[in-house]
Every structure is written in C-alpha cells, then in structure tokens.
C-alpha cells in the first residue's frame, strides 16, 4: 500500500504559528492559529 499510494499529507501546505491568512469577510490579516478573525469573528478556514 505505501509503495503505491503517496502519503496524504505530502502535498498539503503546512500551517505554522507564523502563517497568516486573509479574512474572507473583512480582509484583515489573521493568524492561522486559531484562525478566527479578531476584527469580525469570521472563521478563515471556511
């Protein structure tokens, strides 16, 4: 099985404590951990 299939996490981006994302609602910079916008409360992983 391992010889045929790649590991699922091999192609996924890694989320670190310094990763920032953009809030889809208010466009603020949001830390990936915890991923909740401090400005409007939106979950940035939706």
Protein backbone atom coordinates (compact mmCIF):
# COMPACT_ATOMS: atom_id res chain seq x y z
CA UNK A 1 0.00 0.00 0.00
CA UNK A 2 2.69 2.50 0.97
CA UNK A 3 4.69 1.74 -2.17
CA UNK A 4 1.71 2.56 -4.40
CA UNK A 5 -0.01 5.49 -2.68
CA UNK A 6 1.57 8.78 -1.68
CA UNK A 7 1.08 9.93 1.86
CA UNK A 8 -1.95 12.23 2.07
CA UNK A 9 -0.04 14.96 3.91
CA UNK A 10 2.80 15.06 1.38
CA UNK A 11 1.15 17.65 -0.89
CA UNK A 12 -0.65 19.73 1.74
CA UNK A 13 0.71 23.09 2.86
CA UNK A 14 1.89 23.20 6.46
CA UNK A 15 0.20 25.63 8.80
CA UNK A 16 2.59 27.08 11.34
CA UNK A 17 2.17 29.57 14.16
CA UNK A 18 3.52 32.35 11.93
CA UNK A 19 1.22 31.64 8.98
CA UNK A 20 -1.20 34.48 8.28
CA UNK A 21 -4.34 34.26 6.20
CA UNK A 22 -6.73 36.86 4.85
CA UNK A 23 -10.19 37.10 6.37
CA UNK A 24 -12.84 36.45 3.69
CA UNK A 25 -15.28 38.88 5.33
CA UNK A 26 -13.23 41.96 6.24
CA UNK A 27 -9.86 41.30 4.51
CA UNK A 28 -7.86 41.64 7.75
CA UNK A 29 -4.67 39.65 8.29
CA UNK A 30 -5.45 36.72 10.59
CA UNK A 31 -3.07 34.33 12.34
CA UNK A 32 -3.67 30.74 11.19
CA UNK A 33 -3.73 29.64 14.79
CA UNK A 34 -6.57 29.84 15.93
CA UNK A 35 -7.92 31.04 12.54
CA UNK A 36 -10.61 33.35 13.91
CA UNK A 37 -10.55 36.97 12.78
CA UNK A 38 -10.11 39.30 15.76
CA UNK A 39 -11.82 42.10 13.82
CA UNK A 40 -15.12 40.45 12.80
CA UNK A 41 -15.05 36.92 14.30
CA UNK A 42 -15.12 35.06 10.97
CA UNK A 43 -13.56 31.59 10.69
CA UNK A 44 -10.89 31.98 7.98
CA UNK A 45 -10.85 28.24 7.14
CA UNK A 46 -14.37 28.16 5.68
